[in-house]
Amino acid sequence: MEEVAAAAPAMADLNKLCENLLAQRSLILSSNRGPVEHHVTPDGRAEARRGGGGIVTALNSLAQTAQFTWIASAMGEGDRLISGGALGSYYPSPLPGHKINLRYVVTPRRVYHKYYNVLCNPLLWFLQHYMWNPPYNPNVDASIHDAWQGGYVPVNQAFARLAVEQARADRRPPVFIGHDYHLYLMPEYLRQEIPDALIQHFIHIPWPTPRYWQMIPSYITRQICSALSSADLLGFQTPQDRRSFLDTVEEFVPDAQVDRPQGLVIRDRLTTRVRVYPISINVPEVQRIANSPRALEYEERLRSVRNGTTIVRIDRAEPNKNVVRGFRAFELLLSRHPELRGKVNFLAFLVPSRTHIRQYQRYMEEIQQVVGRINQTFGTEEWQPITTFMENNYTQAIAGMKLYDVLLVNTIMEGMNLVAKEGPVVNTQDGVLILSETSGAYHQLAGGALPVAPADIEGTMEALYQAIIMSPEERKRRAGILADSVNREDITHWIARQLEDINSLL
């Protein structure tokens, strides 16, 4: 059962799947970050904008297809204002095309800080991306235990209370769909209140091995695994993540039965089906942006800084993206192959991320230092090896994807990398994808990519060189494999497979 399931219905059938699902039940979706963010204007009004983040982007087509309720945290003052400061205010989405209704979970700022800034990001996110340096961190002190009891637990309970309230108002058996590491406890709280609910939860980030989970207090891991085992359907990005979750349940929940061949967790007469749903992209939307007037303008500007072969990377400036090692591999390439100097350039589109966290500040400093060193060592008046674009400008990044000869994605550990899927469907150069074997995208794209181990600077340098000298025929063959795979398994495929599995349980 490790293989990914066969192709699901296309976009034309998504409406039918939604109709079948919603004919008998209400749908309630929950995520920490919602599809609409409200910003307070100078005159005190709340102005609605489309929310950011991968979950919102992934589910935008569903929000335009089905009518359901989306529950999210009140992230800022605008969300709090539109909610009236009360838990559970009901608000139809004002964004064009949206059919959904919004409800915001409003928690005290201190509680939300513990939940998000102490427990979710510094602890769970770092743990699940293998980003700790175990001899030195994490240090689980009283603040972590307090953040669990006084932040993570109450926020999950608040989400569950609001979802239960919504379900009872609808007077139909609900389908609850939850997303990611922020809401691990929610399925159990929902099950306690509505035993016959159908509960699905999808985890976007990697799931580490039980040995790594043992780094934190066992009661936290046990409660997480127990709560997730209250869902009917649990989704992961890769077969490896699914295996690790089943191993973790077996280690930390002794009264659970684990059926590995079928991907099942059986506990208290409830069967949790553990499945693999690799997330993808909205191909027509990405291509529309790539051909928009603004993108074409950026493309023309970028052509002026190209010089021969163009290497591109597009990342948030986060440690797990492995940006520094990628630049060091490029530095080694210029050192080993001096004939390439002046004939190859590196365009790096980097988005500053979580700048309030010291580890991220230090990593950005390291990026700037290595770029400065390479440009000073190898650059000339006519040629700079690396050009960086330090801004959150998605359209410009898409324009850069169109021009790459080589796309470098050497991430350390990631649930899925969507840049690796966006690039092949907009690129115009038969560009070569270099892809880390630890990226969630590797399982799908291995047939067309050049693989690298994320810590292997020598190997990454060799992959860069092989991509540069690759024959046009081989480049075209690989590019075709990648584009075909992404077009076949796009975001509609991802949503439809999950809706099919939910429908099969009704």
Protein backbone atom coordinates (compact mmCIF):
# COMPACT_ATOMS: atom_id res chain seq x y z
CA MET A 1 0.00 0.00 0.00
CA GLU A 2 3.02 2.33 -0.16
CA GLU A 3 2.30 3.39 -3.71
CA VAL A 4 0.38 6.56 -4.47
CA ALA A 5 -3.14 5.86 -5.73
CA ALA A 6 -4.13 6.08 -9.37
CA ALA A 7 -5.22 9.28 -11.04
CA ALA A 8 -8.34 10.97 -9.69
CA PRO A 9 -11.10 12.81 -11.59
CA ALA A 10 -10.26 16.01 -13.43
CA MET A 11 -11.55 19.49 -12.59
CA ALA A 12 -14.78 18.89 -14.48
CA ASP A 13 -15.76 16.24 -11.92
CA LEU A 14 -14.77 18.19 -8.80
CA ASN A 15 -18.21 19.83 -8.63
CA LYS A 16 -19.88 16.43 -8.74
CA LEU A 17 -17.69 15.11 -5.93
CA CYS A 18 -18.55 18.15 -3.82
CA GLU A 19 -22.26 17.78 -4.57
CA ASN A 20 -22.23 14.13 -3.51
CA LEU A 21 -20.38 14.96 -0.32
CA LEU A 22 -22.48 17.97 0.65
CA ALA A 23 -25.85 16.49 -0.27
CA GLN A 24 -26.01 14.63 3.04
CA ARG A 25 -23.48 16.37 5.25
CA SER A 26 -22.09 19.80 6.03
CA LEU A 27 -18.40 20.48 5.42
CA ILE A 28 -16.30 22.33 7.98
CA LEU A 29 -12.66 23.03 7.20
CA SER A 30 -10.15 24.30 9.75
CA SER A 31 -6.63 25.68 9.54
CA ASN A 32 -4.61 28.11 11.58
CA ARG A 33 -4.30 30.59 8.71
CA GLY A 34 -7.49 31.36 6.84
CA PRO A 35 -8.32 32.22 3.23
CA VAL A 36 -9.06 35.88 4.04
CA GLU A 37 -6.91 38.28 6.03
CA HIS A 38 -8.32 41.59 7.21
CA HIS A 39 -6.13 44.65 7.56
CA VAL A 40 -7.20 47.74 9.46
CA THR A 41 -7.32 50.85 7.24
CA PRO A 42 -6.36 54.33 8.54
CA ASP A 43 -10.04 55.14 9.00
CA GLY A 44 -10.56 52.06 11.17
CA ARG A 45 -12.23 49.71 8.68
CA ALA A 46 -11.29 46.07 8.12
CA GLU A 47 -10.14 45.57 4.52
CA ALA A 48 -10.26 41.99 3.19
CA ARG A 49 -7.37 40.46 1.25
CA ARG A 50 -6.62 36.93 0.14
CA GLY A 51 -4.72 35.06 2.84
CA GLY A 52 -1.20 33.83 2.29
CA GLY A 53 0.41 30.46 2.85
CA GLY A 54 0.50 27.15 1.04
CA ILE A 55 -2.69 25.74 2.56
CA VAL A 56 -4.77 28.72 1.42
CA THR A 57 -3.29 28.55 -2.08
CA ALA A 58 -3.88 24.80 -2.30
CA LEU A 59 -7.52 25.03 -1.28
CA ASN A 60 -8.47 28.11 -3.27
CA SER A 61 -10.07 26.05 -6.05
CA LEU A 62 -12.18 24.17 -3.48
CA ALA A 63 -13.26 27.52 -1.98
CA GLN A 64 -14.50 28.50 -5.44
CA THR A 65 -16.26 25.18 -6.04
CA ALA A 66 -18.12 24.25 -2.85
CA GLN A 67 -20.04 26.12 -0.19
CA PHE A 68 -18.68 25.28 3.25
CA THR A 69 -17.47 26.89 6.45
CA TRP A 70 -13.77 27.62 6.94
CA ILE A 71 -12.64 28.13 10.53
CA ALA A 72 -9.32 29.89 11.13
CA SER A 73 -7.47 31.87 13.75
CA ALA A 74 -7.97 35.61 13.97
CA MET A 75 -4.39 36.35 12.95
CA GLY A 76 -4.33 40.10 13.38
CA GLU A 77 -6.24 43.14 14.47
CA GLY A 78 -8.31 43.22 11.29
CA ASP A 79 -9.56 39.66 11.83
CA ARG A 80 -10.35 40.51 15.45
CA LEU A 81 -12.21 43.60 14.36
CA ILE A 82 -14.35 41.77 11.81
CA SER A 83 -15.09 39.09 14.42
CA GLY A 84 -16.32 41.67 16.87
CA GLY A 85 -13.98 40.18 19.45
CA ALA A 86 -16.35 37.24 19.95
CA LEU A 87 -15.61 33.58 19.43
CA GLY A 88 -17.28 32.33 16.31
CA SER A 89 -18.59 35.31 14.41
CA TYR A 90 -20.05 34.23 11.06
CA TYR A 91 -18.82 36.06 7.98
CA PRO A 92 -19.37 35.30 4.25
CA SER A 93 -16.10 35.59 2.35
CA PRO A 94 -15.99 38.89 0.47
CA LEU A 95 -13.41 37.71 -2.07
CA PRO A 96 -14.55 37.30 -5.71
CA GLY A 97 -15.40 33.71 -6.58
CA HIS A 98 -15.48 32.44 -3.00
CA LYS A 99 -18.56 30.49 -1.95
CA ILE A 100 -17.40 29.90 1.59
CA ASN A 101 -18.33 31.29 4.98
CA LEU A 102 -15.67 32.29 7.48
CA ARG A 103 -15.56 31.86 11.22
CA TYR A 104 -12.66 33.12 13.29
CA VAL A 105 -11.29 31.66 16.49
CA VAL A 106 -10.40 34.61 18.70
CA THR A 107 -8.08 33.64 21.55
CA PRO A 108 -6.30 35.91 24.04
CA ARG A 109 -3.09 37.25 22.53
CA ARG A 110 -0.99 35.73 25.30
CA VAL A 111 -2.51 32.30 24.70
CA TYR A 112 -2.03 32.56 20.94
CA HIS A 113 1.60 33.63 21.44
CA LYS A 114 2.31 30.49 23.49
CA TYR A 115 0.54 28.32 20.94
CA TYR A 116 2.15 29.77 17.80
CA ASN A 117 5.46 31.37 18.78
CA VAL A 118 6.55 28.99 21.55
CA LEU A 119 5.05 25.60 20.69
CA CYS A 120 4.06 25.36 17.01
CA ASN A 121 6.97 26.98 15.22
CA PRO A 122 10.07 26.72 17.44
CA LEU A 123 9.19 23.22 18.70
CA LEU A 124 6.93 21.19 16.38
CA TRP A 125 8.03 22.73 13.08
CA PHE A 126 11.73 22.37 13.91
CA LEU A 127 11.24 18.83 15.19
CA GLN A 128 9.34 17.66 12.14
CA HIS A 129 11.89 19.13 9.75
CA TYR A 130 14.84 17.56 11.61
CA MET A 131 16.18 21.07 12.15
CA TRP A 132 17.50 20.72 15.68
CA ASN A 133 21.10 20.42 16.81
CA PRO A 134 20.45 17.83 19.55
CA PRO A 135 23.52 18.52 21.74
CA TYR A 136 22.35 22.12 22.09
CA ASN A 137 18.65 22.38 21.25
CA PRO A 138 15.83 22.12 21.92
CA ASN A 139 15.84 22.91 25.60
CA VAL A 140 12.45 21.88 26.92
CA ASP A 141 12.09 24.07 29.98
CA ALA A 142 9.07 25.21 31.96
CA SER A 143 8.05 27.62 29.19
CA ILE A 144 7.52 24.72 26.78
CA HIS A 145 5.38 22.74 29.20
CA ASP A 146 3.42 25.91 29.93
CA ALA A 147 3.00 26.66 26.20
CA TRP A 148 1.56 23.19 25.68
CA GLN A 149 -0.93 23.41 28.54
CA GLY A 150 -1.60 27.14 28.30
CA GLY A 151 -1.37 27.65 24.54
CA TYR A 152 -1.56 24.61 22.26
CA VAL A 153 -4.26 22.74 24.19
CA PRO A 154 -6.64 25.69 24.71
CA VAL A 155 -6.35 26.92 21.11
CA ASN A 156 -7.13 23.43 19.80
CA GLN A 157 -10.06 23.25 22.21
CA ALA A 158 -11.31 26.64 21.01
CA PHE A 159 -11.19 25.45 17.39
CA ALA A 160 -13.10 22.31 18.32
CA ARG A 161 -15.78 24.22 20.26
CA LEU A 162 -16.43 26.50 17.33
CA ALA A 163 -16.50 23.62 14.84
CA VAL A 164 -18.97 21.70 17.02
CA GLU A 165 -21.15 24.78 17.35
CA GLN A 166 -21.16 25.19 13.57
CA ALA A 167 -21.95 21.51 13.02
CA ARG A 168 -24.91 21.59 15.38
CA ALA A 169 -26.23 24.74 13.74
CA ASP A 170 -26.17 22.97 10.37
CA ARG A 171 -28.18 20.06 11.84
CA ARG A 172 -26.48 17.58 9.51
CA PRO A 173 -23.74 15.05 10.26
CA PRO A 174 -20.52 16.99 9.60
CA VAL A 175 -17.35 16.27 7.70
CA PHE A 176 -14.46 17.94 9.48
CA ILE A 177 -11.30 18.58 7.47
CA GLY A 178 -8.33 19.86 9.45
CA HIS A 179 -4.91 20.94 8.30
CA ASP A 180 -1.39 20.69 9.63
CA TYR A 181 0.63 20.71 12.82
CA HIS A 182 -1.24 23.58 14.45
CA LEU A 183 -4.35 21.47 15.07
CA TYR A 184 -3.14 17.98 15.95
CA LEU A 185 -5.46 17.67 18.98
CA MET A 186 -8.62 18.79 17.25
CA PRO A 187 -9.78 15.37 15.92
CA GLU A 188 -10.00 13.92 19.43
CA TYR A 189 -11.98 16.87 20.81
CA LEU A 190 -14.36 16.64 17.86
CA ARG A 191 -14.81 12.89 18.28
CA GLN A 192 -15.71 13.34 21.94
CA GLU A 193 -18.51 15.78 21.11
CA ILE A 194 -19.81 14.29 17.84
CA PRO A 195 -18.99 10.56 17.78
CA ASP A 196 -20.53 9.95 14.34
CA ALA A 197 -18.65 12.79 12.62
CA LEU A 198 -16.45 12.00 9.64
CA ILE A 199 -13.05 13.53 10.40
CA GLN A 200 -10.16 13.99 7.97
CA HIS A 201 -6.83 15.63 8.78
CA PHE A 202 -3.96 16.41 6.41
CA ILE A 203 -0.39 17.03 7.54
CA HIS A 204 1.64 19.19 5.15
CA ILE A 205 5.04 18.86 6.80
CA PRO A 206 7.29 15.79 7.24
CA TRP A 207 6.67 13.25 9.98
CA PRO A 208 9.94 12.19 11.67
CA THR A 209 10.81 8.80 13.10
CA PRO A 210 9.81 7.76 16.64
CA ARG A 211 13.40 8.14 17.83
CA TYR A 212 13.33 11.82 16.93
CA TRP A 213 9.96 12.32 18.64
CA GLN A 214 11.59 10.97 21.79
CA MET A 215 13.49 14.26 22.01
CA ILE A 216 10.41 15.93 23.51
CA PRO A 217 8.30 14.87 26.53
CA SER A 218 6.52 11.61 25.79
CA TYR A 219 3.16 12.88 27.04
CA ILE A 220 3.12 15.45 24.21
CA THR A 221 3.90 12.91 21.52
CA ARG A 222 1.45 10.41 22.98
CA GLN A 223 -1.36 12.96 23.04
CA ILE A 224 -0.63 14.04 19.47
CA CYS A 225 -0.67 10.47 18.15
CA SER A 226 -3.74 9.56 20.17
CA ALA A 227 -5.64 12.62 18.93
CA LEU A 228 -4.74 12.05 15.28
CA SER A 229 -5.85 8.44 15.64
CA SER A 230 -9.34 9.80 16.35
CA ALA A 231 -9.67 10.80 12.70
CA ASP A 232 -11.29 8.57 10.09
CA LEU A 233 -8.83 9.60 7.39
CA LEU A 234 -5.31 10.92 7.88
CA GLY A 235 -3.23 12.24 4.98
CA PHE A 236 0.52 12.67 4.50
CA GLN A 237 2.70 13.95 1.67
CA THR A 238 4.91 10.89 1.14
CA PRO A 239 5.04 7.14 1.83
CA GLN A 240 7.99 7.78 4.16
CA ASP A 241 5.87 10.13 6.28
CA ARG A 242 3.12 7.54 6.49
CA ARG A 243 5.55 4.83 7.59
CA SER A 244 7.03 7.09 10.25
CA PHE A 245 3.60 7.97 11.62
CA LEU A 246 2.60 4.31 11.90
CA ASP A 247 5.91 3.60 13.65
CA THR A 248 5.31 6.49 16.05
CA VAL A 249 1.80 5.34 16.93
CA GLU A 250 3.08 1.85 17.59
CA GLU A 251 5.79 3.26 19.87
CA PHE A 252 3.73 5.78 21.83
CA VAL A 253 0.13 4.44 21.82
CA PRO A 254 0.38 0.89 23.15
CA ASP A 255 -3.36 0.17 22.95
CA ALA A 256 -3.45 0.92 19.19
CA GLN A 257 -3.23 -1.83 16.58
CA VAL A 258 -1.20 -0.89 13.51
CA ASP A 259 -1.86 -2.63 10.20
CA ARG A 260 1.09 -1.60 8.03
CA PRO A 261 0.12 -3.30 4.72
CA GLN A 262 -3.30 -1.61 4.78
CA GLY A 263 -2.14 1.62 6.42
CA LEU A 264 -4.59 1.39 9.32
CA VAL A 265 -4.61 2.35 12.99
CA ILE A 266 -7.32 0.53 14.97
CA ARG A 267 -8.17 1.82 18.44
CA ASP A 268 -11.30 1.92 20.58
CA ARG A 269 -13.39 0.42 17.76
CA LEU A 270 -12.31 3.27 15.46
CA THR A 271 -10.28 2.66 12.31
CA THR A 272 -8.05 5.45 11.03
CA ARG A 273 -7.05 5.08 7.39
CA VAL A 274 -3.59 6.57 6.81
CA ARG A 275 -3.10 7.65 3.21
CA VAL A 276 -0.62 9.46 0.96
CA TYR A 277 -1.81 12.56 -0.93
CA PRO A 278 1.11 14.52 -2.45
CA ILE A 279 0.01 18.13 -2.73
CA SER A 280 0.44 19.91 -6.05
CA ILE A 281 -0.22 23.18 -7.87
CA ASN A 282 -2.98 24.84 -9.87
CA VAL A 283 -1.31 24.53 -13.28
CA PRO A 284 -3.63 26.87 -15.27
CA GLU A 285 -3.34 29.55 -12.58
CA VAL A 286 0.46 29.37 -12.49
CA GLN A 287 0.60 29.52 -16.29
CA ARG A 288 -1.82 32.46 -16.32
CA ILE A 289 0.46 34.39 -13.95
CA ALA A 290 3.51 33.44 -16.04
CA ASN A 291 1.93 34.98 -19.14
CA SER A 292 0.46 38.05 -17.47
CA PRO A 293 1.67 41.51 -18.59
CA ARG A 294 3.43 42.05 -15.27
CA ALA A 295 5.30 38.73 -15.52
CA LEU A 296 6.30 39.46 -19.13
CA GLU A 297 7.70 42.80 -17.99
CA TYR A 298 9.75 41.09 -15.28
CA GLU A 299 10.90 38.48 -17.77
CA GLU A 300 12.26 41.17 -20.06
CA ARG A 301 14.16 42.79 -17.20
CA LEU A 302 15.62 39.46 -16.09
CA ARG A 303 16.87 38.67 -19.57
CA SER A 304 19.20 41.66 -19.25
CA VAL A 305 21.03 40.04 -16.28
CA ARG A 306 21.31 36.59 -17.88
CA ASN A 307 24.69 35.60 -19.20
CA GLY A 308 24.89 32.25 -20.94
CA THR A 309 23.58 29.45 -18.72
CA THR A 310 21.18 30.55 -15.98
CA ILE A 311 20.79 28.75 -12.66
CA VAL A 312 17.72 29.74 -10.63
CA ARG A 313 16.57 29.06 -7.10
CA ILE A 314 13.36 30.30 -5.46
CA ASP A 315 12.98 29.90 -1.72
CA ARG A 316 12.00 31.40 1.56
CA ALA A 317 15.21 32.27 3.37
CA GLU A 318 14.85 29.48 5.91
CA PRO A 319 17.51 27.09 7.20
CA ASN A 320 15.75 23.98 5.89
CA LYS A 321 15.86 25.36 2.33
CA ASN A 322 19.63 24.77 2.34
CA VAL A 323 20.41 27.97 0.46
CA VAL A 324 23.95 28.34 1.80
CA ARG A 325 25.03 24.86 0.71
CA GLY A 326 23.57 25.53 -2.73
CA PHE A 327 25.69 28.65 -3.10
CA ARG A 328 28.76 26.80 -1.80
CA ALA A 329 28.23 24.14 -4.48
CA PHE A 330 28.09 26.91 -7.10
CA GLU A 331 31.28 28.39 -5.63
CA LEU A 332 32.95 25.01 -5.96
CA LEU A 333 31.73 24.76 -9.57
CA LEU A 334 33.39 28.07 -10.48
CA SER A 335 36.58 26.97 -8.74
CA ARG A 336 36.76 23.53 -10.40
CA HIS A 337 35.61 24.70 -13.83
CA PRO A 338 37.13 28.12 -14.52
CA GLU A 339 35.98 27.84 -18.13
CA LEU A 340 32.44 28.53 -16.87
CA ARG A 341 33.30 31.89 -15.35
CA GLY A 342 31.50 34.65 -17.18
CA LYS A 343 29.31 32.06 -18.95
CA VAL A 344 26.97 31.04 -16.14
CA ASN A 345 24.97 33.11 -13.71
CA PHE A 346 22.87 32.35 -10.63
CA LEU A 347 19.58 34.19 -10.02
CA ALA A 348 18.31 33.69 -6.47
CA PHE A 349 14.79 34.82 -5.55
CA LEU A 350 14.69 34.70 -1.75
CA VAL A 351 11.81 35.73 0.49
CA PRO A 352 12.76 36.90 4.00
CA SER A 353 10.98 34.62 6.46
CA ARG A 354 10.21 34.68 10.19
CA THR A 355 12.60 37.55 10.68
CA HIS A 356 11.65 37.82 14.35
CA ILE A 357 13.29 34.43 15.06
CA ARG A 358 17.02 34.67 15.75
CA GLN A 359 17.90 31.44 13.88
CA TYR A 360 16.38 32.91 10.72
CA GLN A 361 18.17 36.22 11.19
CA ARG A 362 21.50 34.39 11.46
CA TYR A 363 20.74 32.30 8.39
CA MET A 364 19.96 35.39 6.32
CA GLU A 365 23.28 36.85 7.44
CA GLU A 366 25.07 33.66 6.32
CA ILE A 367 23.37 33.85 2.93
CA GLN A 368 24.50 37.43 2.42
CA GLN A 369 28.04 36.59 3.52
CA VAL A 370 28.47 33.66 1.11
CA VAL A 371 26.97 35.63 -1.80
CA GLY A 372 29.32 38.54 -1.08
CA ARG A 373 32.32 36.24 -0.93
CA ILE A 374 31.51 34.49 -4.24
CA ASN A 375 30.85 37.74 -6.08
CA GLN A 376 34.03 39.31 -4.72
CA THR A 377 36.18 36.27 -5.49
CA PHE A 378 34.96 35.50 -9.01
CA GLY A 379 33.10 38.60 -10.20
CA THR A 380 34.35 41.14 -12.69
CA GLU A 381 33.16 44.55 -13.85
CA GLU A 382 31.24 42.84 -16.64
CA TRP A 383 29.93 39.82 -14.74
CA GLN A 384 28.57 39.03 -11.28
CA PRO A 385 28.13 35.31 -10.56
CA ILE A 386 25.09 35.69 -8.25
CA THR A 387 22.21 38.15 -8.41
CA THR A 388 19.81 38.06 -5.47
CA PHE A 389 16.24 39.34 -5.27
CA MET A 390 15.37 39.67 -1.57
CA GLU A 391 11.65 40.32 -1.65
CA ASN A 392 8.28 38.61 -1.58
CA ASN A 393 7.41 38.98 -5.28
CA TYR A 394 5.76 35.85 -6.61
CA THR A 395 5.19 37.19 -10.12
CA GLN A 396 8.86 38.07 -10.48
CA ALA A 397 9.84 34.63 -9.26
CA ILE A 398 7.51 32.99 -11.80
CA ALA A 399 9.17 35.08 -14.51
CA GLY A 400 12.52 33.75 -13.31
CA MET A 401 11.23 30.19 -13.56
CA LYS A 402 10.50 30.72 -17.24
CA LEU A 403 14.17 31.47 -17.90
CA TYR A 404 16.10 28.84 -15.97
CA ASP A 405 18.46 26.41 -17.64
CA VAL A 406 18.95 24.78 -14.24
CA LEU A 407 16.54 24.93 -11.29
CA LEU A 408 18.21 24.10 -7.98
CA VAL A 409 15.99 22.69 -5.21
CA ASN A 410 18.37 21.18 -2.64
CA THR A 411 16.13 21.48 0.42
CA ILE A 412 17.15 19.60 3.57
CA MET A 413 13.78 18.20 4.66
CA GLU A 414 10.41 19.31 3.37
CA GLY A 415 6.88 18.00 3.21
CA MET A 416 6.56 19.07 -0.42
CA ASN A 417 8.34 21.61 -2.58
CA LEU A 418 5.97 23.36 -4.99
CA VAL A 419 8.72 25.33 -6.75
CA ALA A 420 9.89 21.99 -8.15
CA LYS A 421 6.41 21.56 -9.64
CA GLU A 422 5.83 25.15 -10.78
CA GLY A 423 9.08 25.42 -12.69
CA PRO A 424 8.53 22.60 -15.21
CA VAL A 425 5.08 23.87 -16.29
CA VAL A 426 6.22 27.45 -17.09
CA ASN A 427 9.86 27.02 -18.15
CA THR A 428 10.68 27.82 -21.77
CA GLN A 429 14.29 26.54 -21.88
CA ASP A 430 13.89 22.77 -21.40
CA GLY A 431 15.44 23.49 -18.02
CA VAL A 432 16.95 20.77 -15.82
CA LEU A 433 15.64 20.25 -12.27
CA ILE A 434 18.16 19.37 -9.57
CA LEU A 435 16.13 18.00 -6.68
CA SER A 436 16.99 16.92 -3.16
CA GLU A 437 16.12 13.31 -2.40
CA THR A 438 14.68 14.46 0.94
CA SER A 439 12.16 16.80 -0.67
CA GLY A 440 8.58 15.58 -0.63
CA ALA A 441 8.43 16.29 -4.36
CA TYR A 442 11.18 13.79 -5.12
CA HIS A 443 8.90 10.74 -4.90
CA GLN A 444 6.86 12.05 -7.83
CA LEU A 445 9.53 13.83 -9.89
CA ALA A 446 12.51 11.49 -9.57
CA GLY A 447 12.12 10.23 -13.13
CA GLY A 448 12.93 13.62 -14.64
CA ALA A 449 15.19 15.24 -12.05
CA LEU A 450 18.89 15.02 -11.20
CA PRO A 451 19.00 13.80 -7.58
CA VAL A 452 21.22 15.23 -4.85
CA ALA A 453 21.70 14.53 -1.16
CA PRO A 454 21.17 17.83 0.67
CA ALA A 455 24.43 17.77 2.65
CA ASP A 456 26.54 16.69 -0.35
CA ILE A 457 28.15 19.88 -1.62
CA GLU A 458 30.49 17.94 -3.91
CA GLY A 459 27.57 15.99 -5.36
CA THR A 460 25.50 19.13 -5.84
CA MET A 461 28.40 20.73 -7.69
CA GLU A 462 28.61 17.67 -9.95
CA ALA A 463 24.85 17.81 -10.59
CA LEU A 464 25.13 21.49 -11.56
CA TYR A 465 27.91 20.64 -13.99
CA GLN A 466 26.02 17.70 -15.49
CA ALA A 467 22.95 19.90 -15.98
CA ILE A 468 25.01 22.58 -17.72
CA ILE A 469 26.67 20.20 -20.18
CA MET A 470 23.60 17.98 -20.74
CA SER A 471 22.63 17.41 -24.37
CA PRO A 472 19.56 19.23 -25.73
CA GLU A 473 17.87 15.89 -26.38
CA GLU A 474 18.28 14.71 -22.79
CA ARG A 475 17.17 18.09 -21.43
CA LYS A 476 14.01 17.95 -23.52
CA ARG A 477 13.27 14.37 -22.46
CA ARG A 478 13.60 15.16 -18.76
CA ALA A 479 11.62 18.39 -19.02
CA GLY A 480 8.79 16.50 -20.72
CA ILE A 481 8.66 13.89 -17.95
CA LEU A 482 8.42 16.59 -15.31
CA ALA A 483 5.75 18.65 -17.05
CA ASP A 484 3.63 15.59 -17.84
CA SER A 485 3.78 14.39 -14.25
CA VAL A 486 2.77 17.76 -12.77
CA ASN A 487 -0.04 18.26 -15.28
CA ARG A 488 -1.38 14.79 -14.56
CA GLU A 489 -1.26 15.15 -10.76
CA ASP A 490 -2.22 18.79 -10.23
CA ILE A 491 -4.05 20.42 -7.31
CA THR A 492 -7.42 19.20 -8.56
CA HIS A 493 -6.07 15.66 -8.50
CA TRP A 494 -4.97 16.22 -4.88
CA ILE A 495 -8.35 17.56 -3.75
CA ALA A 496 -10.39 15.04 -5.72
CA ARG A 497 -8.55 12.00 -4.35
CA GLN A 498 -9.29 13.10 -0.81
CA LEU A 499 -12.94 13.83 -1.56
CA GLU A 500 -13.26 10.42 -3.20
CA ASP A 501 -11.88 8.72 -0.11
CA ILE A 502 -14.17 10.78 2.15
CA ASN A 503 -17.18 9.88 -0.01
CA SER A 504 -16.25 6.21 0.19
CA LEU A 505 -16.64 6.35 3.98
CA LEU A 506 -20.12 7.87 3.99
